[in-house]
């Protein structure tokens, strides 16, 4: 068994993330498991200050669609709808997503890190870091044309049309209308 780990903040989970998830699922062997880990700093560190004024507000799921619980539930719902939930584990990792060595301690040694091949320089730096540490890295093309920051801007400016163009159709309501709280 090998663990294929796709870790990120997913604020929000967008179509580029979905591309990577689908490609990761397609590459799983019969005994492999894909772990989608929502990485967050639980200990009062605010990840995205464009929304929250305090750490408590940041983690309140009824006020903040970018909190880790919202992303975790969105990814879990996607896995169920894709019919791949038997081989997908969704979890939260309580560590900042820049503490990569800390994150490795959460998983068995037979692991591969899924890192998007995207326009984000952060992904290239992360892949290079893991490779230098002797970790296995899988790169899948992320076809998104927008960043998470841009998507959060659409949300905060009530630009539903641009927002929904970049969010998987099956979960757009989780972020936009609070569908998460009605469906789970």
N, C-alpha and C. Protein backbone atom coordinates (compact mmCIF):
# COMPACT_ATOMS: atom_id res chain seq x y z
N UNK A 1 0.84 -1.18 0.00
CA UNK A 1 0.00 0.00 0.00
C UNK A 1 0.88 1.24 0.00
N UNK A 2 0.51 2.18 -0.82
CA UNK A 2 1.21 3.45 -0.88
C UNK A 2 0.20 4.56 -0.62
N UNK A 3 0.65 5.57 0.10
CA UNK A 3 -0.18 6.74 0.38
C UNK A 3 0.21 7.84 -0.61
N UNK A 4 -0.75 8.32 -1.37
CA UNK A 4 -0.55 9.45 -2.27
C UNK A 4 -1.19 10.65 -1.58
N UNK A 5 -0.39 11.65 -1.24
CA UNK A 5 -0.86 12.74 -0.38
C UNK A 5 -0.97 14.04 -1.17
N UNK A 6 -2.18 14.59 -1.19
CA UNK A 6 -2.46 15.87 -1.83
C UNK A 6 -2.82 16.83 -0.70
N UNK A 7 -1.85 17.65 -0.29
CA UNK A 7 -2.04 18.53 0.86
C UNK A 7 -2.06 19.99 0.41
N UNK A 8 -2.99 20.75 0.97
CA UNK A 8 -3.06 22.17 0.67
C UNK A 8 -4.12 22.85 1.51
N UNK A 9 -4.23 24.16 1.36
CA UNK A 9 -5.25 24.89 2.12
C UNK A 9 -6.61 24.81 1.44
N UNK A 10 -6.65 24.72 0.12
CA UNK A 10 -7.90 24.61 -0.63
C UNK A 10 -8.89 25.70 -0.24
N UNK A 11 -8.47 26.96 -0.37
CA UNK A 11 -9.28 28.10 0.03
C UNK A 11 -9.67 28.94 -1.19
N UNK A 12 -10.62 28.55 -1.98
CA UNK A 12 -11.46 27.36 -1.92
C UNK A 12 -10.90 26.24 -2.81
N UNK A 13 -11.53 25.09 -2.73
CA UNK A 13 -11.20 23.97 -3.60
C UNK A 13 -11.76 24.32 -4.98
N UNK A 14 -10.87 24.45 -5.99
CA UNK A 14 -11.32 24.93 -7.32
C UNK A 14 -11.09 23.87 -8.39
N UNK A 15 -11.43 24.21 -9.64
CA UNK A 15 -11.37 23.23 -10.72
C UNK A 15 -9.95 22.74 -10.98
N UNK A 16 -8.95 23.55 -10.72
CA UNK A 16 -7.56 23.09 -10.85
C UNK A 16 -7.25 21.99 -9.84
N UNK A 17 -7.73 22.16 -8.62
CA UNK A 17 -7.57 21.11 -7.61
C UNK A 17 -8.29 19.84 -8.05
N UNK A 18 -9.48 20.01 -8.63
CA UNK A 18 -10.25 18.86 -9.10
C UNK A 18 -9.49 18.12 -10.20
N UNK A 19 -8.87 18.84 -11.14
CA UNK A 19 -8.05 18.21 -12.17
C UNK A 19 -6.98 17.32 -11.55
N UNK A 20 -6.28 17.88 -10.58
CA UNK A 20 -5.20 17.14 -9.92
C UNK A 20 -5.76 15.93 -9.17
N UNK A 21 -6.88 16.11 -8.48
CA UNK A 21 -7.51 15.01 -7.75
C UNK A 21 -7.91 13.89 -8.70
N UNK A 22 -8.54 14.22 -9.82
CA UNK A 22 -8.96 13.20 -10.78
C UNK A 22 -7.77 12.44 -11.35
N UNK A 23 -6.69 13.15 -11.67
CA UNK A 23 -5.49 12.50 -12.20
C UNK A 23 -4.83 11.62 -11.13
N UNK A 24 -4.85 12.08 -9.89
CA UNK A 24 -4.31 11.28 -8.80
C UNK A 24 -5.10 10.01 -8.58
N UNK A 25 -6.42 10.10 -8.65
CA UNK A 25 -7.28 8.92 -8.49
C UNK A 25 -7.01 7.93 -9.62
N UNK A 26 -6.87 8.43 -10.84
CA UNK A 26 -6.63 7.56 -12.00
C UNK A 26 -5.33 6.78 -11.87
N UNK A 27 -4.34 7.34 -11.17
CA UNK A 27 -3.04 6.68 -11.02
C UNK A 27 -2.93 5.76 -9.81
N UNK A 28 -3.99 5.65 -9.03
CA UNK A 28 -3.93 4.79 -7.84
C UNK A 28 -3.94 3.32 -8.23
N UNK A 29 -3.08 2.54 -7.56
CA UNK A 29 -3.15 1.10 -7.69
C UNK A 29 -4.29 0.57 -6.83
N UNK A 30 -4.60 -0.70 -6.95
CA UNK A 30 -5.72 -1.28 -6.20
C UNK A 30 -5.59 -1.13 -4.69
N UNK A 31 -4.36 -1.17 -4.18
CA UNK A 31 -4.15 -1.08 -2.73
C UNK A 31 -3.72 0.30 -2.26
N UNK A 32 -3.63 1.25 -3.17
CA UNK A 32 -3.18 2.59 -2.80
C UNK A 32 -4.33 3.42 -2.23
N UNK A 33 -3.94 4.42 -1.46
CA UNK A 33 -4.90 5.34 -0.84
C UNK A 33 -4.47 6.76 -1.17
N UNK A 34 -5.44 7.58 -1.54
CA UNK A 34 -5.17 8.99 -1.76
C UNK A 34 -5.65 9.76 -0.54
N UNK A 35 -4.76 10.51 0.06
CA UNK A 35 -5.10 11.32 1.23
C UNK A 35 -5.17 12.78 0.79
N UNK A 36 -6.34 13.39 0.94
CA UNK A 36 -6.49 14.82 0.68
C UNK A 36 -6.47 15.49 2.05
N UNK A 37 -5.39 16.22 2.30
CA UNK A 37 -5.18 16.81 3.62
C UNK A 37 -5.33 18.32 3.56
N UNK A 38 -6.32 18.83 4.28
CA UNK A 38 -6.51 20.27 4.40
C UNK A 38 -5.56 20.74 5.49
N UNK A 39 -4.58 21.53 5.10
CA UNK A 39 -3.53 21.97 6.01
C UNK A 39 -3.92 23.33 6.58
N UNK A 40 -3.85 23.43 7.90
CA UNK A 40 -4.23 24.67 8.55
C UNK A 40 -3.44 24.86 9.84
N UNK A 41 -3.26 26.09 10.22
CA UNK A 41 -2.63 26.40 11.49
C UNK A 41 -3.75 26.64 12.50
N UNK A 42 -4.06 25.63 13.28
CA UNK A 42 -5.17 25.71 14.23
C UNK A 42 -4.88 26.62 15.41
N UNK A 43 -3.63 26.82 15.74
CA UNK A 43 -3.30 27.46 17.00
C UNK A 43 -3.39 28.98 16.93
N UNK A 44 -4.48 29.49 16.34
CA UNK A 44 -4.72 30.92 16.37
C UNK A 44 -4.06 31.70 15.25
N UNK A 45 -3.34 31.02 14.36
CA UNK A 45 -2.72 31.73 13.26
C UNK A 45 -3.74 31.89 12.16
N UNK A 46 -3.93 33.09 11.68
CA UNK A 46 -4.92 33.34 10.65
C UNK A 46 -4.28 33.10 9.29
N UNK A 47 -4.88 32.25 8.50
CA UNK A 47 -4.33 31.91 7.20
C UNK A 47 -4.63 32.99 6.17
N UNK A 48 -5.83 33.46 6.13
CA UNK A 48 -6.24 34.45 5.13
C UNK A 48 -6.88 35.63 5.85
N UNK A 49 -6.14 36.72 5.98
CA UNK A 49 -6.65 37.86 6.73
C UNK A 49 -7.61 38.73 5.93
N UNK A 50 -7.86 38.37 4.66
CA UNK A 50 -8.80 39.18 3.88
C UNK A 50 -10.23 39.03 4.40
N UNK A 51 -10.49 38.00 5.18
CA UNK A 51 -11.85 37.79 5.68
C UNK A 51 -11.94 38.01 7.18
N UNK A 52 -11.05 37.38 7.94
CA UNK A 52 -11.20 37.35 9.39
C UNK A 52 -10.42 38.46 10.08
N UNK A 53 -11.01 38.98 11.12
CA UNK A 53 -10.34 39.98 11.96
C UNK A 53 -9.66 39.30 13.15
N UNK A 54 -10.16 38.13 13.54
CA UNK A 54 -9.59 37.40 14.68
C UNK A 54 -9.49 35.92 14.31
N UNK A 55 -8.66 35.20 15.06
CA UNK A 55 -8.52 33.77 14.82
C UNK A 55 -9.84 33.04 15.04
N UNK A 56 -10.61 33.46 16.04
CA UNK A 56 -11.90 32.81 16.32
C UNK A 56 -12.84 32.99 15.13
N UNK A 57 -12.86 34.18 14.56
CA UNK A 57 -13.71 34.43 13.41
C UNK A 57 -13.24 33.60 12.21
N UNK A 58 -11.93 33.46 12.07
CA UNK A 58 -11.38 32.70 10.95
C UNK A 58 -11.86 31.26 10.96
N UNK A 59 -11.96 30.66 12.12
CA UNK A 59 -12.32 29.24 12.21
C UNK A 59 -13.81 29.00 12.43
N UNK A 60 -14.62 30.04 12.47
CA UNK A 60 -16.06 29.86 12.64
C UNK A 60 -16.69 29.48 11.31
N UNK A 61 -17.12 28.22 11.12
CA UNK A 61 -17.59 27.79 9.81
C UNK A 61 -18.84 28.51 9.32
N UNK A 62 -19.63 29.08 10.23
CA UNK A 62 -20.81 29.79 9.77
C UNK A 62 -20.47 31.20 9.27
N UNK A 63 -19.26 31.67 9.53
CA UNK A 63 -18.86 33.02 9.12
C UNK A 63 -17.79 33.01 8.05
N UNK A 64 -17.00 31.93 7.96
CA UNK A 64 -15.84 31.94 7.09
C UNK A 64 -15.83 30.75 6.13
N UNK A 65 -16.15 30.95 4.87
CA UNK A 65 -16.14 29.84 3.92
C UNK A 65 -14.74 29.32 3.61
N UNK A 66 -13.69 29.98 4.10
CA UNK A 66 -12.32 29.54 3.81
C UNK A 66 -11.73 28.74 4.96
N UNK A 67 -12.47 28.53 6.02
CA UNK A 67 -11.95 27.77 7.15
C UNK A 67 -11.70 26.32 6.78
N UNK A 68 -10.86 25.64 7.53
CA UNK A 68 -10.49 24.26 7.18
C UNK A 68 -11.66 23.28 7.19
N UNK A 69 -12.64 23.48 8.05
CA UNK A 69 -13.77 22.55 8.10
C UNK A 69 -14.60 22.62 6.83
N UNK A 70 -14.75 23.81 6.26
CA UNK A 70 -15.52 23.96 5.03
C UNK A 70 -14.80 23.23 3.89
N UNK A 71 -13.48 23.44 3.77
CA UNK A 71 -12.72 22.76 2.72
C UNK A 71 -12.74 21.25 2.91
N UNK A 72 -12.60 20.79 4.14
CA UNK A 72 -12.63 19.35 4.41
C UNK A 72 -13.96 18.75 3.98
N UNK A 73 -15.06 19.39 4.31
CA UNK A 73 -16.37 18.86 3.94
C UNK A 73 -16.61 18.95 2.43
N UNK A 74 -16.10 19.99 1.79
CA UNK A 74 -16.24 20.10 0.34
C UNK A 74 -15.50 18.96 -0.36
N UNK A 75 -14.28 18.68 0.06
CA UNK A 75 -13.49 17.60 -0.54
C UNK A 75 -14.13 16.25 -0.24
N UNK A 76 -14.63 16.06 0.97
CA UNK A 76 -15.29 14.80 1.32
C UNK A 76 -16.53 14.58 0.46
N UNK A 77 -17.31 15.63 0.25
CA UNK A 77 -18.51 15.52 -0.57
C UNK A 77 -18.13 15.20 -2.02
N UNK A 78 -17.07 15.85 -2.53
CA UNK A 78 -16.61 15.55 -3.89
C UNK A 78 -16.23 14.08 -4.03
N UNK A 79 -15.48 13.56 -3.06
CA UNK A 79 -15.05 12.16 -3.12
C UNK A 79 -16.25 11.23 -3.18
N UNK A 80 -17.27 11.51 -2.37
CA UNK A 80 -18.47 10.67 -2.39
C UNK A 80 -19.17 10.75 -3.75
N UNK A 81 -19.31 11.95 -4.28
CA UNK A 81 -20.01 12.12 -5.55
C UNK A 81 -19.23 11.53 -6.72
N UNK A 82 -17.90 11.48 -6.61
CA UNK A 82 -17.07 10.91 -7.67
C UNK A 82 -17.05 9.39 -7.60
N UNK A 83 -17.59 8.84 -6.53
CA UNK A 83 -17.61 7.39 -6.38
C UNK A 83 -16.26 6.80 -6.03
N UNK A 84 -15.37 7.62 -5.54
CA UNK A 84 -14.02 7.16 -5.24
C UNK A 84 -13.74 7.16 -3.74
N UNK A 85 -14.76 7.24 -2.94
CA UNK A 85 -14.54 7.42 -1.51
C UNK A 85 -13.87 6.23 -0.83
N UNK A 86 -13.88 5.05 -1.46
CA UNK A 86 -13.22 3.88 -0.86
C UNK A 86 -11.71 4.05 -0.82
N UNK A 87 -11.15 4.79 -1.76
CA UNK A 87 -9.70 4.96 -1.82
C UNK A 87 -9.24 6.36 -1.43
N UNK A 88 -10.16 7.18 -0.95
CA UNK A 88 -9.79 8.55 -0.58
C UNK A 88 -10.06 8.77 0.90
N UNK A 89 -9.06 9.30 1.56
CA UNK A 89 -9.19 9.71 2.96
C UNK A 89 -9.09 11.23 2.97
N UNK A 90 -10.02 11.89 3.64
CA UNK A 90 -9.93 13.35 3.80
C UNK A 90 -9.64 13.63 5.27
N UNK A 91 -8.76 14.57 5.50
CA UNK A 91 -8.37 14.87 6.87
C UNK A 91 -7.89 16.31 6.98
N UNK A 92 -7.71 16.76 8.20
CA UNK A 92 -7.11 18.07 8.47
C UNK A 92 -5.77 17.83 9.13
N UNK A 93 -4.75 18.54 8.68
CA UNK A 93 -3.44 18.50 9.32
C UNK A 93 -3.23 19.80 10.08
N UNK A 94 -3.11 19.73 11.39
CA UNK A 94 -2.94 20.96 12.18
C UNK A 94 -1.50 21.45 12.17
N UNK A 95 -1.07 21.97 11.03
CA UNK A 95 0.27 22.55 10.90
C UNK A 95 0.22 23.56 9.77
N UNK A 96 0.99 24.63 9.85
CA UNK A 96 1.05 25.55 8.72
C UNK A 96 1.54 24.82 7.49
N UNK A 97 1.03 25.18 6.31
CA UNK A 97 1.42 24.44 5.11
C UNK A 97 2.84 24.73 4.65
N UNK A 98 3.57 25.54 5.37
CA UNK A 98 4.99 25.74 5.07
C UNK A 98 5.89 24.88 5.96
N UNK A 99 5.32 24.12 6.87
CA UNK A 99 6.10 23.23 7.75
C UNK A 99 6.11 21.82 7.15
N UNK A 100 6.71 21.68 5.98
CA UNK A 100 6.61 20.45 5.23
C UNK A 100 7.25 19.26 5.93
N UNK A 101 8.37 19.47 6.61
CA UNK A 101 8.98 18.35 7.32
C UNK A 101 8.07 17.86 8.44
N UNK A 102 7.39 18.78 9.09
CA UNK A 102 6.43 18.40 10.13
C UNK A 102 5.30 17.56 9.55
N UNK A 103 4.83 17.94 8.37
CA UNK A 103 3.73 17.23 7.73
C UNK A 103 4.12 15.79 7.39
N UNK A 104 5.37 15.57 7.00
CA UNK A 104 5.79 14.22 6.63
C UNK A 104 5.65 13.25 7.79
N UNK A 105 5.75 13.73 9.01
CA UNK A 105 5.66 12.86 10.19
C UNK A 105 4.27 12.25 10.39
N UNK A 106 3.27 12.79 9.70
CA UNK A 106 1.90 12.31 9.88
C UNK A 106 1.61 11.06 9.06
N UNK A 107 2.53 10.67 8.15
CA UNK A 107 2.24 9.58 7.22
C UNK A 107 3.31 8.51 7.23
N UNK A 108 2.94 7.26 6.91
CA UNK A 108 3.93 6.17 6.80
C UNK A 108 4.97 6.50 5.72
N UNK A 109 6.08 5.80 5.77
CA UNK A 109 7.18 6.11 4.85
C UNK A 109 6.87 5.77 3.39
N UNK A 110 5.93 4.88 3.14
CA UNK A 110 5.59 4.54 1.76
C UNK A 110 4.57 5.56 1.26
N UNK A 111 5.09 6.73 0.85
CA UNK A 111 4.21 7.83 0.48
C UNK A 111 4.74 8.54 -0.76
N UNK A 112 3.82 9.18 -1.46
CA UNK A 112 4.14 10.01 -2.61
C UNK A 112 3.36 11.30 -2.45
N UNK A 113 4.01 12.41 -2.69
CA UNK A 113 3.38 13.72 -2.53
C UNK A 113 2.85 14.19 -3.88
N UNK A 114 1.58 14.52 -3.92
CA UNK A 114 0.97 15.07 -5.13
C UNK A 114 1.05 16.59 -5.03
N UNK A 115 1.75 17.17 -5.98
CA UNK A 115 1.92 18.62 -6.00
C UNK A 115 1.54 19.12 -7.39
N UNK A 116 0.57 20.03 -7.48
CA UNK A 116 0.13 20.50 -8.79
C UNK A 116 1.28 21.08 -9.61
N UNK A 117 1.23 20.86 -10.89
CA UNK A 117 2.12 21.51 -11.84
C UNK A 117 1.31 22.71 -12.33
N UNK A 118 1.47 23.82 -11.65
CA UNK A 118 0.62 24.99 -11.90
C UNK A 118 1.47 26.23 -12.12
N UNK A 119 0.79 27.35 -12.31
CA UNK A 119 1.51 28.61 -12.49
C UNK A 119 1.98 29.20 -11.16
N UNK A 120 1.60 28.56 -10.06
CA UNK A 120 1.98 29.06 -8.74
C UNK A 120 3.42 28.66 -8.42
N UNK A 121 4.28 29.61 -8.19
CA UNK A 121 5.67 29.34 -7.87
C UNK A 121 5.79 28.52 -6.58
N UNK A 122 4.86 28.71 -5.67
CA UNK A 122 4.85 27.99 -4.39
C UNK A 122 4.88 26.48 -4.62
N UNK A 123 4.14 25.99 -5.62
CA UNK A 123 4.11 24.56 -5.90
C UNK A 123 5.46 24.04 -6.36
N UNK A 124 6.16 24.82 -7.19
CA UNK A 124 7.49 24.42 -7.65
C UNK A 124 8.48 24.35 -6.48
N UNK A 125 8.42 25.33 -5.60
CA UNK A 125 9.30 25.36 -4.44
C UNK A 125 9.03 24.16 -3.54
N UNK A 126 7.75 23.86 -3.32
CA UNK A 126 7.38 22.72 -2.48
C UNK A 126 7.86 21.41 -3.10
N UNK A 127 7.68 21.22 -4.39
CA UNK A 127 8.12 19.99 -5.06
C UNK A 127 9.63 19.83 -4.96
N UNK A 128 10.35 20.91 -5.18
CA UNK A 128 11.81 20.87 -5.10
C UNK A 128 12.26 20.51 -3.67
N UNK A 129 11.60 21.09 -2.69
CA UNK A 129 11.94 20.80 -1.29
C UNK A 129 11.77 19.31 -0.98
N UNK A 130 10.60 18.75 -1.33
CA UNK A 130 10.35 17.35 -1.05
C UNK A 130 11.34 16.44 -1.78
N UNK A 131 11.66 16.76 -3.03
CA UNK A 131 12.61 15.96 -3.78
C UNK A 131 13.99 15.99 -3.15
N UNK A 132 14.43 17.15 -2.69
CA UNK A 132 15.73 17.26 -2.02
C UNK A 132 15.77 16.45 -0.73
N UNK A 133 14.61 16.26 -0.11
CA UNK A 133 14.53 15.47 1.13
C UNK A 133 14.38 13.97 0.83
N UNK A 134 14.42 13.60 -0.44
CA UNK A 134 14.32 12.20 -0.81
C UNK A 134 12.90 11.66 -0.88
N UNK A 135 11.94 12.55 -0.89
CA UNK A 135 10.53 12.15 -0.98
C UNK A 135 10.13 11.94 -2.43
N UNK A 136 9.17 11.04 -2.66
CA UNK A 136 8.61 10.83 -4.00
C UNK A 136 7.57 11.91 -4.27
N UNK A 137 7.64 12.51 -5.46
CA UNK A 137 6.73 13.59 -5.82
C UNK A 137 6.05 13.26 -7.15
N UNK A 138 4.74 13.39 -7.18
CA UNK A 138 3.95 13.24 -8.39
C UNK A 138 3.46 14.63 -8.78
N UNK A 139 3.69 15.04 -10.04
CA UNK A 139 3.22 16.34 -10.51
C UNK A 139 2.13 16.11 -11.54
N UNK A 140 0.99 16.73 -11.34
CA UNK A 140 -0.12 16.67 -12.29
C UNK A 140 -0.48 18.08 -12.71
N UNK A 141 -0.76 18.25 -13.98
CA UNK A 141 -1.09 19.57 -14.53
C UNK A 141 -2.38 20.10 -13.92
N UNK A 142 -2.31 21.31 -13.43
CA UNK A 142 -3.45 22.05 -12.89
C UNK A 142 -3.87 23.03 -13.97
N UNK A 143 -5.05 22.84 -14.52
CA UNK A 143 -5.48 23.66 -15.65
C UNK A 143 -6.18 24.96 -15.24
N UNK A 144 -6.17 25.28 -13.96
CA UNK A 144 -6.89 26.48 -13.54
C UNK A 144 -6.21 27.74 -14.06
N UNK A 145 -7.00 28.74 -14.29
CA UNK A 145 -6.48 30.01 -14.78
C UNK A 145 -6.62 31.12 -13.75
N UNK A 146 -6.94 30.75 -12.53
CA UNK A 146 -7.21 31.74 -11.50
C UNK A 146 -6.60 31.24 -10.18
N UNK A 147 -6.19 32.18 -9.35
CA UNK A 147 -5.62 31.82 -8.05
C UNK A 147 -6.71 31.82 -6.98
N UNK A 148 -6.39 31.20 -5.86
CA UNK A 148 -7.31 31.22 -4.72
C UNK A 148 -7.60 32.64 -4.27
N UNK A 149 -6.59 33.48 -4.30
CA UNK A 149 -6.77 34.89 -3.90
C UNK A 149 -7.80 35.58 -4.80
N UNK A 150 -7.71 35.32 -6.12
CA UNK A 150 -8.69 35.90 -7.04
C UNK A 150 -10.10 35.38 -6.76
N UNK A 151 -10.21 34.09 -6.48
CA UNK A 151 -11.52 33.50 -6.17
C UNK A 151 -12.11 34.10 -4.90
N UNK A 152 -11.28 34.27 -3.89
CA UNK A 152 -11.77 34.89 -2.65
C UNK A 152 -12.23 36.32 -2.92
N UNK A 153 -11.54 37.01 -3.83
CA UNK A 153 -11.95 38.36 -4.21
C UNK A 153 -13.31 38.36 -4.89
N UNK A 154 -13.55 37.40 -5.79
CA UNK A 154 -14.87 37.30 -6.42
C UNK A 154 -15.94 37.10 -5.36
N UNK A 155 -15.66 36.25 -4.39
CA UNK A 155 -16.63 35.96 -3.34
C UNK A 155 -16.93 37.22 -2.53
N UNK A 156 -15.86 37.88 -2.08
CA UNK A 156 -16.04 39.05 -1.23
C UNK A 156 -16.71 40.21 -1.97
N UNK A 157 -16.59 40.23 -3.31
CA UNK A 157 -17.24 41.27 -4.11
C UNK A 157 -18.57 40.82 -4.69
N UNK A 158 -19.10 39.71 -4.19
CA UNK A 158 -20.39 39.16 -4.63
C UNK A 158 -20.46 38.93 -6.14
N UNK A 159 -19.35 38.52 -6.74
CA UNK A 159 -19.28 38.24 -8.17
C UNK A 159 -19.49 36.73 -8.38
N UNK A 160 -20.74 36.32 -8.27
CA UNK A 160 -21.09 34.90 -8.34
C UNK A 160 -20.71 34.28 -9.67
N UNK A 161 -20.93 34.97 -10.78
CA UNK A 161 -20.67 34.39 -12.10
C UNK A 161 -19.20 34.02 -12.27
N UNK A 162 -18.30 34.92 -11.93
CA UNK A 162 -16.87 34.60 -12.04
C UNK A 162 -16.45 33.55 -11.02
N UNK A 163 -17.02 33.60 -9.83
CA UNK A 163 -16.67 32.61 -8.80
C UNK A 163 -17.05 31.21 -9.27
N UNK A 164 -18.29 31.03 -9.70
CA UNK A 164 -18.77 29.68 -10.03
C UNK A 164 -18.09 29.10 -11.27
N UNK A 165 -17.51 29.93 -12.12
CA UNK A 165 -16.79 29.44 -13.30
C UNK A 165 -15.56 28.61 -12.91
N UNK A 166 -15.07 28.82 -11.70
CA UNK A 166 -13.80 28.20 -11.30
C UNK A 166 -13.93 27.21 -10.15
N UNK A 167 -15.15 26.94 -9.71
CA UNK A 167 -15.41 26.01 -8.61
C UNK A 167 -16.13 24.80 -9.20
N UNK A 168 -15.75 23.56 -8.81
CA UNK A 168 -16.48 22.40 -9.32
C UNK A 168 -17.98 22.56 -9.08
N UNK A 169 -18.76 22.30 -10.12
CA UNK A 169 -20.21 22.51 -10.07
C UNK A 169 -20.85 21.80 -8.87
N UNK A 170 -20.37 20.60 -8.56
CA UNK A 170 -21.01 19.83 -7.50
C UNK A 170 -20.76 20.39 -6.10
N UNK A 171 -19.87 21.39 -5.95
CA UNK A 171 -19.64 21.94 -4.61
C UNK A 171 -19.72 23.46 -4.55
N UNK A 172 -20.06 24.13 -5.64
CA UNK A 172 -20.08 25.59 -5.63
C UNK A 172 -21.01 26.13 -4.54
N UNK A 173 -22.14 25.46 -4.32
CA UNK A 173 -23.08 25.93 -3.29
C UNK A 173 -22.52 25.80 -1.87
N UNK A 174 -21.60 24.87 -1.67
CA UNK A 174 -21.00 24.75 -0.34
C UNK A 174 -20.34 26.07 0.04
N UNK A 175 -19.65 26.66 -0.91
CA UNK A 175 -18.96 27.91 -0.64
C UNK A 175 -19.88 29.12 -0.75
N UNK A 176 -20.77 29.13 -1.74
CA UNK A 176 -21.53 30.34 -2.02
C UNK A 176 -22.78 30.49 -1.15
N UNK A 177 -23.55 29.44 -1.03
CA UNK A 177 -24.85 29.55 -0.35
C UNK A 177 -24.93 28.85 1.00
N UNK A 178 -23.83 28.36 1.48
CA UNK A 178 -23.86 27.64 2.74
C UNK A 178 -24.51 26.27 2.60
N UNK A 179 -24.55 25.73 1.39
CA UNK A 179 -25.14 24.41 1.16
C UNK A 179 -24.53 23.34 2.01
N UNK A 180 -23.33 23.57 2.47
CA UNK A 180 -22.65 22.62 3.34
C UNK A 180 -23.47 22.33 4.58
N UNK A 181 -24.05 23.33 5.15
CA UNK A 181 -24.75 23.17 6.42
C UNK A 181 -26.12 22.52 6.24
N UNK A 182 -26.68 22.66 5.05
CA UNK A 182 -27.96 22.00 4.78
C UNK A 182 -27.78 20.54 4.40
N UNK A 183 -26.63 20.21 3.76
CA UNK A 183 -26.49 18.87 3.19
C UNK A 183 -25.76 17.88 4.08
N UNK A 184 -25.06 18.33 5.09
CA UNK A 184 -24.29 17.39 5.92
C UNK A 184 -24.83 17.34 7.34
